[in-house]
Protein backbone atom coordinates (compact mmCIF):
# COMPACT_ATOMS: atom_id res chain seq x y z
CA MET A 1 0.08 6.81 -77.89
CA SER A 2 -1.86 3.72 -78.90
CA ARG A 3 -5.15 2.20 -77.83
CA ARG A 4 -6.34 -1.42 -77.96
CA GLN A 5 -9.48 -2.22 -79.86
CA ILE A 6 -11.07 -5.63 -79.49
CA GLY A 7 -13.39 -6.91 -82.14
CA GLY A 8 -13.63 -8.82 -85.37
CA GLY A 9 -10.36 -10.67 -85.81
CA GLY A 10 -8.76 -9.94 -82.43
CA ILE A 11 -6.87 -7.07 -80.88
CA ARG A 12 -5.75 -4.20 -83.09
CA TYR A 13 -3.70 -1.20 -81.97
CA THR A 14 -4.67 2.18 -83.32
CA ALA A 15 -3.33 5.67 -82.84
CA VAL A 16 -5.37 7.56 -80.27
CA GLY A 17 -8.08 9.64 -81.89
CA THR A 18 -7.40 8.57 -85.48
CA GLY A 19 -8.78 5.05 -85.81
CA ARG A 20 -5.85 4.16 -88.11
CA PRO A 21 -3.51 1.32 -87.28
CA VAL A 22 -0.16 2.42 -85.85
CA LEU A 23 1.67 -0.05 -88.11
CA VAL A 24 0.36 1.68 -91.24
CA GLU A 25 1.53 5.05 -89.96
CA GLN A 26 4.98 3.65 -89.13
CA ILE A 27 5.31 2.09 -92.60
CA ARG A 28 4.30 5.35 -94.27
CA LEU A 29 6.83 7.29 -92.17
CA THR A 30 9.60 4.76 -92.87
CA VAL A 31 9.01 4.72 -96.64
CA LEU A 32 8.83 8.51 -96.81
CA LEU A 33 12.02 8.94 -94.78
CA ILE A 34 13.96 6.39 -96.85
CA LEU A 35 12.87 7.95 -100.15
CA THR A 36 13.68 11.46 -98.96
CA GLY A 37 17.06 10.30 -97.65
CA LEU A 38 17.87 8.68 -100.99
CA ILE A 39 16.93 11.83 -102.89
CA LEU A 40 18.96 14.09 -100.59
CA ILE A 41 22.06 11.84 -100.73
CA ALA A 42 21.75 11.74 -104.52
CA LEU A 43 21.56 15.54 -104.63
CA GLU A 44 24.52 15.84 -102.27
CA THR A 45 26.75 13.62 -104.37
CA THR A 46 25.71 14.85 -107.83
CA ALA A 47 24.15 18.27 -108.42
CA LEU A 48 25.24 19.96 -105.19
CA SER A 49 28.78 18.58 -105.04
CA HIS A 50 30.23 21.34 -107.21
CA ILE A 51 29.08 24.50 -105.43
CA ARG A 52 31.81 27.11 -105.44
CA ILE A 53 32.11 29.89 -102.87
CA PRO A 54 34.33 32.83 -103.92
CA LEU A 55 35.57 33.54 -100.38
CA PHE A 56 37.26 30.13 -100.24
CA GLY A 57 39.14 30.29 -103.53
CA TRP A 58 36.34 28.89 -105.73
CA GLN A 59 36.94 25.33 -104.55
CA ALA A 60 34.04 22.90 -105.04
CA ALA A 61 32.23 21.89 -101.87
CA ALA A 62 29.01 20.11 -100.96
CA PRO A 63 26.59 20.46 -98.04
CA SER A 64 26.10 17.41 -95.83
CA LEU A 65 22.44 16.83 -96.67
CA GLY A 66 22.36 13.28 -95.28
CA LEU A 67 23.65 14.50 -91.93
CA LEU A 68 21.20 17.40 -91.89
CA PHE A 69 18.33 15.09 -92.78
CA SER A 70 19.08 12.59 -90.01
CA MET A 71 19.41 15.44 -87.51
CA ALA A 72 16.16 17.06 -88.66
CA VAL A 73 14.32 13.74 -88.41
CA GLY A 74 15.65 13.26 -84.89
CA PHE A 75 14.81 16.84 -83.98
CA LEU A 76 11.21 16.69 -85.24
CA HIS A 77 10.25 13.00 -84.97
CA GLY A 78 12.31 11.66 -82.06
CA GLU A 79 15.60 10.01 -81.23
CA ARG A 80 14.69 6.54 -82.51
CA GLU A 81 13.72 7.79 -85.96
CA GLY A 82 16.75 10.11 -86.06
CA GLY A 83 19.13 7.30 -85.16
CA VAL A 84 17.75 4.85 -87.72
CA THR A 85 17.66 7.52 -90.41
CA GLY A 86 21.23 8.44 -89.50
CA LEU A 87 22.39 4.84 -89.93
CA ILE A 88 20.74 4.58 -93.34
CA CYS A 89 21.94 8.00 -94.59
CA GLY A 90 25.43 7.41 -93.21
CA TRP A 91 25.66 4.07 -94.95
CA LEU A 92 24.43 5.61 -98.22
CA SER A 93 26.96 8.45 -97.90
CA ASP A 94 29.79 5.99 -97.35
CA ALA A 95 28.62 3.84 -100.26
CA THR A 96 28.38 6.74 -102.70
CA MET A 97 31.57 8.54 -101.68
CA GLY A 98 33.65 5.38 -101.66
CA ASP A 99 35.51 6.26 -98.47
CA GLY A 100 35.34 2.71 -97.16
CA MET A 101 36.02 3.59 -93.53
CA MET A 102 32.36 3.20 -92.48
CA LEU A 103 32.53 6.09 -90.02
CA PHE A 104 29.62 8.08 -91.43
CA PRO A 105 26.93 5.65 -90.21
CA LEU A 106 28.19 5.99 -86.64
CA LEU A 107 28.49 9.79 -86.88
CA TYR A 108 25.08 10.22 -88.52
CA PHE A 109 23.48 7.84 -86.02
CA LEU A 110 24.92 9.76 -83.07
CA CYS A 111 23.94 13.15 -84.51
CA GLY A 112 20.39 12.00 -85.33
CA TYR A 113 19.91 10.33 -81.97
CA LEU A 114 21.37 13.19 -79.94
CA SER A 115 19.43 15.86 -81.83
CA GLY A 116 16.26 13.93 -81.01
CA THR A 117 17.18 13.46 -77.36
CA VAL A 118 18.48 16.95 -76.66
CA GLY A 119 16.02 18.71 -78.95
CA LYS A 120 13.03 17.03 -77.35
CA ARG A 121 14.02 17.90 -73.80
CA ARG A 122 15.94 21.17 -73.97
CA LEU A 123 15.06 23.28 -77.01
CA ALA A 124 12.05 24.65 -78.81
CA HIS A 125 11.37 23.02 -82.14
CA ASN A 126 12.15 25.93 -84.42
CA LEU A 127 14.59 26.77 -87.19
CA PRO A 128 17.15 28.75 -85.13
CA SER A 129 17.49 25.86 -82.68
CA PHE A 130 17.98 23.46 -85.56
CA GLY A 131 20.60 25.81 -87.05
CA VAL A 132 22.66 25.32 -83.88
CA PHE A 133 22.39 21.54 -84.35
CA ALA A 134 23.38 21.89 -88.01
CA ALA A 135 26.51 23.87 -87.10
CA LEU A 136 27.48 21.34 -84.40
CA GLY A 137 26.86 18.34 -86.68
CA GLY A 138 28.78 19.93 -89.56
CA GLY A 139 31.62 20.74 -87.18
CA LEU A 140 31.73 17.13 -85.96
CA LYS A 141 31.88 15.92 -89.56
CA CYS A 142 34.77 18.32 -90.27
CA LEU A 143 36.59 17.11 -87.15
CA LEU A 144 36.08 13.50 -88.25
CA ALA A 145 37.49 14.38 -91.69
CA VAL A 146 40.57 15.95 -90.12
CA LEU A 147 41.10 12.92 -87.87
CA THR A 148 40.76 10.42 -90.72
CA ALA A 149 43.08 12.49 -92.94
CA THR A 150 45.60 12.63 -90.10
CA VAL A 151 45.48 8.85 -89.73
CA GLU A 152 45.77 8.26 -93.48
CA LEU A 153 48.57 10.79 -94.02
CA LYS A 154 50.28 10.13 -90.67
CA ALA A 155 50.54 13.91 -90.34
CA ILE A 156 48.24 16.85 -89.66
CA PRO A 157 46.58 18.00 -92.91
CA PRO A 158 47.62 21.42 -94.21
CA ALA A 159 45.61 24.47 -93.22
CA VAL A 160 44.88 25.19 -96.90
CA TRP A 161 42.97 21.89 -97.14
CA VAL A 162 40.89 22.84 -94.11
CA TRP A 163 40.22 26.36 -95.44
CA LYS A 164 39.42 25.34 -99.02
CA GLY A 165 37.79 21.96 -98.36
CA LEU A 166 36.20 21.65 -94.96
CA ILE A 167 35.12 25.17 -94.06
CA PRO A 168 33.11 25.67 -97.30
CA SER A 169 31.35 22.38 -96.64
CA LEU A 170 30.48 23.50 -93.11
CA VAL A 171 29.19 26.86 -94.36
CA LEU A 172 27.03 25.16 -97.01
CA THR A 173 25.72 22.67 -94.46
CA VAL A 174 24.54 25.49 -92.21
CA LEU A 175 23.04 27.39 -95.16
CA PHE A 176 21.13 24.34 -96.41
CA SER A 177 19.82 23.52 -92.92
CA ALA A 178 16.76 25.73 -93.45
CA ALA A 179 15.77 23.83 -96.62
CA VAL A 180 16.20 20.40 -95.03
CA TYR A 181 14.32 21.50 -91.91
CA GLY A 182 11.49 22.72 -94.14
CA ILE A 183 11.39 19.40 -96.01
CA VAL A 184 11.12 17.36 -92.80
CA LYS A 185 8.56 19.78 -91.35
CA GLY A 186 6.50 19.41 -94.55
CA GLU A 187 6.71 15.62 -94.31
CA GLN A 188 5.57 15.83 -90.71
CA TRP A 189 2.58 17.90 -91.83
CA LEU A 190 1.78 15.39 -94.60
CA LEU A 191 1.81 12.48 -92.18
CA LYS A 192 -0.38 14.24 -89.63
CA PRO A 193 -3.81 12.59 -89.49
CA LYS A 194 -6.49 14.64 -91.20
CA ASN A 195 -9.88 14.80 -89.49
């Protein structure tokens, strides 16, 4: 992926075929991913947190944009980027939602890392494949919510809470997966070296 160039002030690593330093490309990718993650978490916790779906009794729900973003980054950029993005987005989600249990960073990290690992080796990089990852990641987040509610309440949460709270969030997460996939795909196109 990189090539050594000797000259001038010493050895400098550049991306093959571009002539640009790899460090500059990594910094650009990191800054772009952090800014996009911040924007998506802000949208998730403010404007998109009050979406109402009539099938589920008009209860407010929000898609898990931070989870989708970390999974899309892992799916399109690789497991390392997906894992780091997952840690950052999970931490931001915990900080903004005030849960305090610090479970989202671990969940988002695992989902981002696994989507990069499995997606790179087993699936084509297309939207339907990512939709499967979105459904699995949203399902894991719902399962984590049920487990934490069970621990806090010392009882299994009522089925109404699952139907009116968790299922709408899962449905919205899968529906918004196409938009988040498109955003990360557009960022990937922006970062591609232009000849």
